[in-house]
Amino acid sequence: QVQLQESGGGLVQAGGSLRLSCAASGRGFAMYGLGWFRQAPGKEREFVAAITWGGSTTFYADAVKGRFTISRDNAKNTVYLQMNSLKPEDTAVYYCATTRILSSIGSSPAEYYNWGQGTRVTVSS
């Protein structure tokens, strides 16, 4: 099992960029798919992006496609979310989570485990 800790959130103006990091402790990081989700006040947690355990396949929500990039560095036990061209509607708490070991990635929060505590992103207009 792994434990995840997000960082990199903050306040940014619309059109700006942020890079979120999700660092893992524990064993077997390379065998987990990773996902980023976000939750805005009063809204359900929603899928943002995911990457397979091998890193060869990524998957994005339509709302962020072309603006956000997910990547992973297994040597550093870290997954990243590069967020460009940020919009006020990207404001949310961002969470990372893992799939089950060697499992495929999906877009439902129910498919993910080992959730981090989240990092807040605020985009001002």
N, C-alpha and C. Protein backbone atom coordinates (compact mmCIF):
# COMPACT_ATOMS: atom_id res chain seq x y z
N GLN A 1 0.85 -1.19 0.00
CA GLN A 1 0.00 0.00 0.00
C GLN A 1 0.88 1.24 0.00
N VAL A 2 0.37 2.30 -0.63
CA VAL A 2 1.11 3.55 -0.67
C VAL A 2 0.30 4.64 0.01
N GLN A 3 1.00 5.66 0.45
CA GLN A 3 0.40 6.87 0.97
C GLN A 3 0.78 8.01 0.04
N LEU A 4 -0.17 8.87 -0.23
CA LEU A 4 0.03 9.93 -1.22
C LEU A 4 -0.08 11.30 -0.56
N GLN A 5 0.74 12.24 -1.03
CA GLN A 5 0.70 13.60 -0.53
C GLN A 5 0.82 14.57 -1.70
N GLU A 6 -0.21 15.38 -1.89
CA GLU A 6 -0.21 16.36 -2.96
C GLU A 6 0.46 17.67 -2.52
N SER A 7 1.00 18.39 -3.48
CA SER A 7 1.56 19.71 -3.23
C SER A 7 1.53 20.51 -4.52
N GLY A 8 1.79 21.81 -4.40
CA GLY A 8 1.90 22.64 -5.58
C GLY A 8 0.71 23.54 -5.86
N GLY A 9 -0.33 23.41 -5.06
CA GLY A 9 -1.49 24.26 -5.27
C GLY A 9 -1.20 25.70 -4.87
N GLY A 10 -2.14 26.58 -5.19
CA GLY A 10 -1.98 27.98 -4.85
C GLY A 10 -2.95 28.85 -5.58
N LEU A 11 -2.68 30.14 -5.54
CA LEU A 11 -3.52 31.14 -6.21
C LEU A 11 -2.83 31.59 -7.48
N VAL A 12 -3.55 31.57 -8.58
CA VAL A 12 -2.98 31.97 -9.86
C VAL A 12 -4.04 32.74 -10.65
N GLN A 13 -3.60 33.63 -11.51
CA GLN A 13 -4.55 34.36 -12.36
C GLN A 13 -4.96 33.49 -13.54
N ALA A 14 -6.12 33.78 -14.06
CA ALA A 14 -6.59 33.08 -15.25
C ALA A 14 -5.56 33.21 -16.36
N GLY A 15 -5.33 32.10 -17.05
CA GLY A 15 -4.32 32.04 -18.09
C GLY A 15 -2.97 31.58 -17.60
N GLY A 16 -2.80 31.52 -16.30
CA GLY A 16 -1.53 31.10 -15.72
C GLY A 16 -1.37 29.59 -15.65
N SER A 17 -0.28 29.17 -15.03
CA SER A 17 0.05 27.75 -14.95
C SER A 17 0.43 27.37 -13.52
N LEU A 18 0.21 26.12 -13.21
CA LEU A 18 0.68 25.50 -11.97
C LEU A 18 1.08 24.07 -12.27
N ARG A 19 2.01 23.54 -11.49
CA ARG A 19 2.32 22.12 -11.57
C ARG A 19 2.09 21.49 -10.20
N LEU A 20 1.19 20.57 -10.17
CA LEU A 20 0.91 19.82 -8.96
C LEU A 20 1.78 18.57 -8.92
N SER A 21 2.19 18.21 -7.71
CA SER A 21 2.94 16.98 -7.50
C SER A 21 2.19 16.10 -6.52
N CYS A 22 2.36 14.82 -6.69
CA CYS A 22 1.78 13.84 -5.78
C CYS A 22 2.88 12.84 -5.46
N ALA A 23 3.42 12.92 -4.27
CA ALA A 23 4.52 12.06 -3.86
C ALA A 23 4.00 10.88 -3.08
N ALA A 24 4.54 9.72 -3.38
CA ALA A 24 4.09 8.49 -2.73
C ALA A 24 5.15 7.94 -1.81
N SER A 25 4.71 7.43 -0.69
CA SER A 25 5.57 6.65 0.19
C SER A 25 4.98 5.25 0.29
N GLY A 26 5.81 4.29 0.63
CA GLY A 26 5.35 2.91 0.64
C GLY A 26 5.90 2.16 -0.55
N ARG A 27 5.46 0.95 -0.71
CA ARG A 27 6.04 0.07 -1.73
C ARG A 27 5.15 -0.07 -2.96
N GLY A 28 5.79 -0.28 -4.07
CA GLY A 28 5.05 -0.69 -5.25
C GLY A 28 4.47 0.42 -6.09
N PHE A 29 4.97 1.64 -5.93
CA PHE A 29 4.40 2.78 -6.66
C PHE A 29 4.30 2.48 -8.16
N ALA A 30 5.32 1.90 -8.73
CA ALA A 30 5.36 1.68 -10.18
C ALA A 30 4.27 0.73 -10.66
N MET A 31 3.64 0.01 -9.76
CA MET A 31 2.62 -0.96 -10.15
C MET A 31 1.20 -0.40 -10.06
N TYR A 32 1.09 0.87 -9.71
CA TYR A 32 -0.23 1.49 -9.59
C TYR A 32 -0.49 2.47 -10.72
N GLY A 33 -1.69 2.43 -11.27
CA GLY A 33 -2.15 3.54 -12.07
C GLY A 33 -2.45 4.71 -11.15
N LEU A 34 -2.36 5.92 -11.66
CA LEU A 34 -2.58 7.11 -10.85
C LEU A 34 -3.62 8.01 -11.50
N GLY A 35 -4.43 8.61 -10.67
CA GLY A 35 -5.43 9.54 -11.18
C GLY A 35 -5.42 10.84 -10.39
N TRP A 36 -5.79 11.90 -11.08
CA TRP A 36 -6.05 13.20 -10.45
C TRP A 36 -7.55 13.47 -10.55
N PHE A 37 -8.08 13.94 -9.45
CA PHE A 37 -9.48 14.34 -9.37
C PHE A 37 -9.54 15.72 -8.74
N ARG A 38 -10.68 16.37 -8.85
CA ARG A 38 -10.86 17.65 -8.20
C ARG A 38 -12.28 17.78 -7.66
N GLN A 39 -12.40 18.61 -6.66
CA GLN A 39 -13.70 18.84 -6.07
C GLN A 39 -13.84 20.32 -5.74
N ALA A 40 -14.79 20.96 -6.41
CA ALA A 40 -15.11 22.36 -6.16
C ALA A 40 -16.16 22.44 -5.07
N PRO A 41 -16.25 23.57 -4.39
CA PRO A 41 -17.24 23.70 -3.30
C PRO A 41 -18.65 23.40 -3.79
N GLY A 42 -19.35 22.55 -3.06
CA GLY A 42 -20.71 22.21 -3.39
C GLY A 42 -20.89 21.28 -4.56
N LYS A 43 -19.79 20.74 -5.08
CA LYS A 43 -19.88 19.86 -6.25
C LYS A 43 -19.30 18.49 -5.93
N GLU A 44 -19.65 17.53 -6.79
CA GLU A 44 -19.12 16.19 -6.65
C GLU A 44 -17.65 16.16 -7.07
N ARG A 45 -16.93 15.18 -6.54
CA ARG A 45 -15.55 14.98 -6.98
C ARG A 45 -15.57 14.52 -8.44
N GLU A 46 -14.72 15.12 -9.26
CA GLU A 46 -14.73 14.79 -10.68
C GLU A 46 -13.34 14.41 -11.17
N PHE A 47 -13.36 13.57 -12.16
CA PHE A 47 -12.13 13.09 -12.78
C PHE A 47 -11.44 14.20 -13.56
N VAL A 48 -10.11 14.23 -13.49
CA VAL A 48 -9.32 15.18 -14.25
C VAL A 48 -8.41 14.47 -15.25
N ALA A 49 -7.58 13.55 -14.77
CA ALA A 49 -6.62 12.88 -15.63
C ALA A 49 -6.12 11.61 -14.95
N ALA A 50 -5.62 10.69 -15.75
CA ALA A 50 -5.06 9.45 -15.21
C ALA A 50 -3.93 8.96 -16.10
N ILE A 51 -3.07 8.15 -15.50
CA ILE A 51 -1.94 7.56 -16.23
C ILE A 51 -1.79 6.12 -15.78
N THR A 52 -1.50 5.26 -16.72
CA THR A 52 -1.37 3.84 -16.40
C THR A 52 -0.12 3.56 -15.58
N TRP A 53 -0.10 2.36 -14.99
CA TRP A 53 1.03 2.01 -14.14
C TRP A 53 2.33 1.99 -14.95
N GLY A 54 2.27 1.67 -16.21
CA GLY A 54 3.46 1.68 -17.05
C GLY A 54 3.79 3.05 -17.62
N GLY A 55 2.84 3.97 -17.50
CA GLY A 55 3.08 5.32 -17.98
C GLY A 55 2.87 5.52 -19.47
N SER A 56 2.43 4.48 -20.17
CA SER A 56 2.33 4.60 -21.62
C SER A 56 1.01 5.20 -22.10
N THR A 57 0.03 5.21 -21.25
CA THR A 57 -1.30 5.69 -21.64
C THR A 57 -1.79 6.71 -20.64
N THR A 58 -2.34 7.80 -21.19
CA THR A 58 -2.95 8.83 -20.35
C THR A 58 -4.38 9.07 -20.83
N PHE A 59 -5.15 9.69 -19.97
CA PHE A 59 -6.58 9.84 -20.21
C PHE A 59 -7.01 11.12 -19.50
N TYR A 60 -7.78 11.97 -20.20
CA TYR A 60 -8.14 13.27 -19.67
C TYR A 60 -9.64 13.51 -19.74
N ALA A 61 -10.11 14.30 -18.81
CA ALA A 61 -11.48 14.79 -18.91
C ALA A 61 -11.54 15.81 -20.04
N ASP A 62 -12.66 15.89 -20.71
CA ASP A 62 -12.79 16.83 -21.82
C ASP A 62 -12.52 18.26 -21.39
N ALA A 63 -12.88 18.58 -20.15
CA ALA A 63 -12.75 19.96 -19.67
C ALA A 63 -11.30 20.42 -19.57
N VAL A 64 -10.36 19.48 -19.50
CA VAL A 64 -8.95 19.86 -19.32
C VAL A 64 -8.08 19.41 -20.49
N LYS A 65 -8.63 18.68 -21.42
CA LYS A 65 -7.85 18.15 -22.53
C LYS A 65 -7.21 19.28 -23.30
N GLY A 66 -5.92 19.14 -23.58
CA GLY A 66 -5.18 20.15 -24.30
C GLY A 66 -4.58 21.23 -23.41
N ARG A 67 -5.00 21.27 -22.14
CA ARG A 67 -4.47 22.26 -21.20
C ARG A 67 -3.66 21.61 -20.08
N PHE A 68 -4.06 20.42 -19.66
CA PHE A 68 -3.40 19.73 -18.56
C PHE A 68 -2.62 18.54 -19.09
N THR A 69 -1.51 18.23 -18.43
CA THR A 69 -0.71 17.07 -18.79
C THR A 69 -0.34 16.29 -17.53
N ILE A 70 -0.64 15.01 -17.52
CA ILE A 70 -0.25 14.14 -16.42
C ILE A 70 1.01 13.37 -16.80
N SER A 71 1.90 13.21 -15.85
CA SER A 71 3.12 12.44 -16.09
C SER A 71 3.55 11.81 -14.77
N ARG A 72 4.46 10.87 -14.86
CA ARG A 72 4.94 10.22 -13.65
C ARG A 72 6.43 9.97 -13.75
N ASP A 73 7.10 9.96 -12.60
CA ASP A 73 8.50 9.64 -12.50
C ASP A 73 8.60 8.54 -11.45
N ASN A 74 8.69 7.30 -11.89
CA ASN A 74 8.70 6.19 -10.95
C ASN A 74 9.96 6.16 -10.09
N ALA A 75 11.05 6.72 -10.60
CA ALA A 75 12.28 6.78 -9.80
C ALA A 75 12.11 7.70 -8.59
N LYS A 76 11.20 8.68 -8.73
CA LYS A 76 10.94 9.62 -7.64
C LYS A 76 9.63 9.33 -6.93
N ASN A 77 8.96 8.27 -7.33
CA ASN A 77 7.67 7.93 -6.72
C ASN A 77 6.71 9.12 -6.75
N THR A 78 6.64 9.79 -7.88
CA THR A 78 5.85 11.02 -7.97
C THR A 78 5.08 11.06 -9.28
N VAL A 79 3.86 11.56 -9.19
CA VAL A 79 3.06 11.85 -10.37
C VAL A 79 2.79 13.35 -10.39
N TYR A 80 2.76 13.91 -11.59
CA TYR A 80 2.62 15.35 -11.76
C TYR A 80 1.36 15.67 -12.56
N LEU A 81 0.88 16.88 -12.34
CA LEU A 81 -0.18 17.42 -13.18
C LEU A 81 0.22 18.83 -13.56
N GLN A 82 0.64 19.00 -14.81
CA GLN A 82 0.97 20.32 -15.33
C GLN A 82 -0.31 20.95 -15.84
N MET A 83 -0.64 22.10 -15.30
CA MET A 83 -1.90 22.77 -15.64
C MET A 83 -1.58 24.12 -16.29
N ASN A 84 -1.94 24.26 -17.54
CA ASN A 84 -1.72 25.49 -18.29
C ASN A 84 -3.04 26.13 -18.67
N SER A 85 -2.99 27.39 -19.04
CA SER A 85 -4.19 28.11 -19.46
C SER A 85 -5.32 27.94 -18.46
N LEU A 86 -5.01 28.15 -17.22
CA LEU A 86 -5.99 27.92 -16.17
C LEU A 86 -7.17 28.87 -16.27
N LYS A 87 -8.33 28.36 -15.89
CA LYS A 87 -9.58 29.11 -15.93
C LYS A 87 -10.17 29.16 -14.52
N PRO A 88 -10.99 30.17 -14.26
CA PRO A 88 -11.63 30.21 -12.93
C PRO A 88 -12.39 28.93 -12.59
N GLU A 89 -12.94 28.27 -13.58
CA GLU A 89 -13.68 27.04 -13.32
C GLU A 89 -12.78 25.86 -12.96
N ASP A 90 -11.47 26.05 -13.03
CA ASP A 90 -10.54 25.01 -12.56
C ASP A 90 -10.33 25.09 -11.05
N THR A 91 -10.88 26.11 -10.43
CA THR A 91 -10.74 26.27 -8.99
C THR A 91 -11.37 25.09 -8.26
N ALA A 92 -10.57 24.44 -7.41
CA ALA A 92 -11.02 23.24 -6.70
C ALA A 92 -9.90 22.75 -5.80
N VAL A 93 -10.21 21.78 -4.98
CA VAL A 93 -9.19 21.00 -4.29
C VAL A 93 -8.86 19.82 -5.19
N TYR A 94 -7.60 19.63 -5.43
CA TYR A 94 -7.13 18.57 -6.33
C TYR A 94 -6.56 17.42 -5.50
N TYR A 95 -6.99 16.22 -5.85
CA TYR A 95 -6.58 15.00 -5.16
C TYR A 95 -5.94 14.03 -6.12
N CYS A 96 -4.95 13.28 -5.63
CA CYS A 96 -4.44 12.14 -6.39
C CYS A 96 -4.82 10.85 -5.67
N ALA A 97 -4.85 9.79 -6.43
CA ALA A 97 -5.23 8.49 -5.90
C ALA A 97 -4.69 7.40 -6.80
N THR A 98 -4.65 6.18 -6.29
CA THR A 98 -4.12 5.06 -7.08
C THR A 98 -5.24 4.11 -7.49
N THR A 99 -4.98 3.38 -8.55
CA THR A 99 -5.84 2.24 -8.87
C THR A 99 -5.40 1.07 -7.98
N ARG A 100 -6.05 -0.08 -8.14
CA ARG A 100 -5.49 -1.31 -7.58
C ARG A 100 -4.22 -1.66 -8.35
N ILE A 101 -3.39 -2.47 -7.76
CA ILE A 101 -2.12 -2.86 -8.40
C ILE A 101 -2.37 -3.47 -9.77
N LEU A 102 -1.65 -2.95 -10.76
CA LEU A 102 -1.66 -3.45 -12.15
C LEU A 102 -3.04 -3.38 -12.80
N SER A 103 -3.89 -2.52 -12.26
CA SER A 103 -5.22 -2.37 -12.83
C SER A 103 -5.24 -1.26 -13.88
N SER A 104 -6.23 -1.30 -14.73
CA SER A 104 -6.39 -0.26 -15.74
C SER A 104 -6.93 1.01 -15.09
N ILE A 105 -6.81 2.11 -15.82
CA ILE A 105 -7.29 3.38 -15.32
C ILE A 105 -8.71 3.63 -15.80
N GLY A 106 -9.43 4.42 -15.02
CA GLY A 106 -10.78 4.79 -15.38
C GLY A 106 -11.06 6.20 -14.92
N SER A 107 -12.32 6.60 -14.98
CA SER A 107 -12.67 7.96 -14.61
C SER A 107 -13.58 8.05 -13.39
N SER A 108 -13.90 6.91 -12.80
CA SER A 108 -14.77 6.94 -11.63
C SER A 108 -13.96 6.96 -10.35
N PRO A 109 -14.30 7.84 -9.40
CA PRO A 109 -13.59 7.83 -8.11
C PRO A 109 -13.67 6.46 -7.42
N ALA A 110 -14.70 5.70 -7.68
CA ALA A 110 -14.85 4.39 -7.04
C ALA A 110 -13.77 3.40 -7.46
N GLU A 111 -13.08 3.68 -8.54
CA GLU A 111 -12.02 2.80 -9.02
C GLU A 111 -10.67 3.13 -8.40
N TYR A 112 -10.61 4.12 -7.53
CA TYR A 112 -9.36 4.62 -6.99
C TYR A 112 -9.29 4.51 -5.47
N TYR A 113 -8.06 4.42 -4.98
CA TYR A 113 -7.81 4.16 -3.56
C TYR A 113 -6.64 5.01 -3.09
N ASN A 114 -6.36 4.91 -1.82
CA ASN A 114 -5.18 5.57 -1.24
C ASN A 114 -5.16 7.06 -1.52
N TRP A 115 -6.27 7.70 -1.32
CA TRP A 115 -6.40 9.13 -1.62
C TRP A 115 -5.49 9.98 -0.75
N GLY A 116 -4.92 11.03 -1.39
CA GLY A 116 -4.18 12.02 -0.64
C GLY A 116 -5.12 13.00 0.04
N GLN A 117 -4.54 13.97 0.72
CA GLN A 117 -5.33 14.96 1.47
C GLN A 117 -5.80 16.12 0.60
N GLY A 118 -5.20 16.28 -0.56
CA GLY A 118 -5.61 17.32 -1.48
C GLY A 118 -4.77 18.58 -1.39
N THR A 119 -4.77 19.33 -2.48
CA THR A 119 -4.10 20.62 -2.53
C THR A 119 -5.04 21.59 -3.24
N ARG A 120 -5.16 22.78 -2.69
CA ARG A 120 -6.17 23.73 -3.19
C ARG A 120 -5.59 24.57 -4.32
N VAL A 121 -6.36 24.69 -5.39
CA VAL A 121 -6.02 25.54 -6.52
C VAL A 121 -7.12 26.59 -6.66
N THR A 122 -6.71 27.84 -6.69
CA THR A 122 -7.66 28.94 -6.88
C THR A 122 -7.21 29.76 -8.07
N VAL A 123 -8.11 29.91 -9.03
CA VAL A 123 -7.82 30.67 -10.25
C VAL A 123 -8.69 31.91 -10.24
N SER A 124 -8.05 33.06 -10.21
CA SER A 124 -8.79 34.31 -10.18
C SER A 124 -9.00 34.85 -11.59
N SER A 125 -10.11 35.52 -11.77
CA SER A 125 -10.44 36.06 -13.11
C SER A 125 -9.89 37.47 -13.29
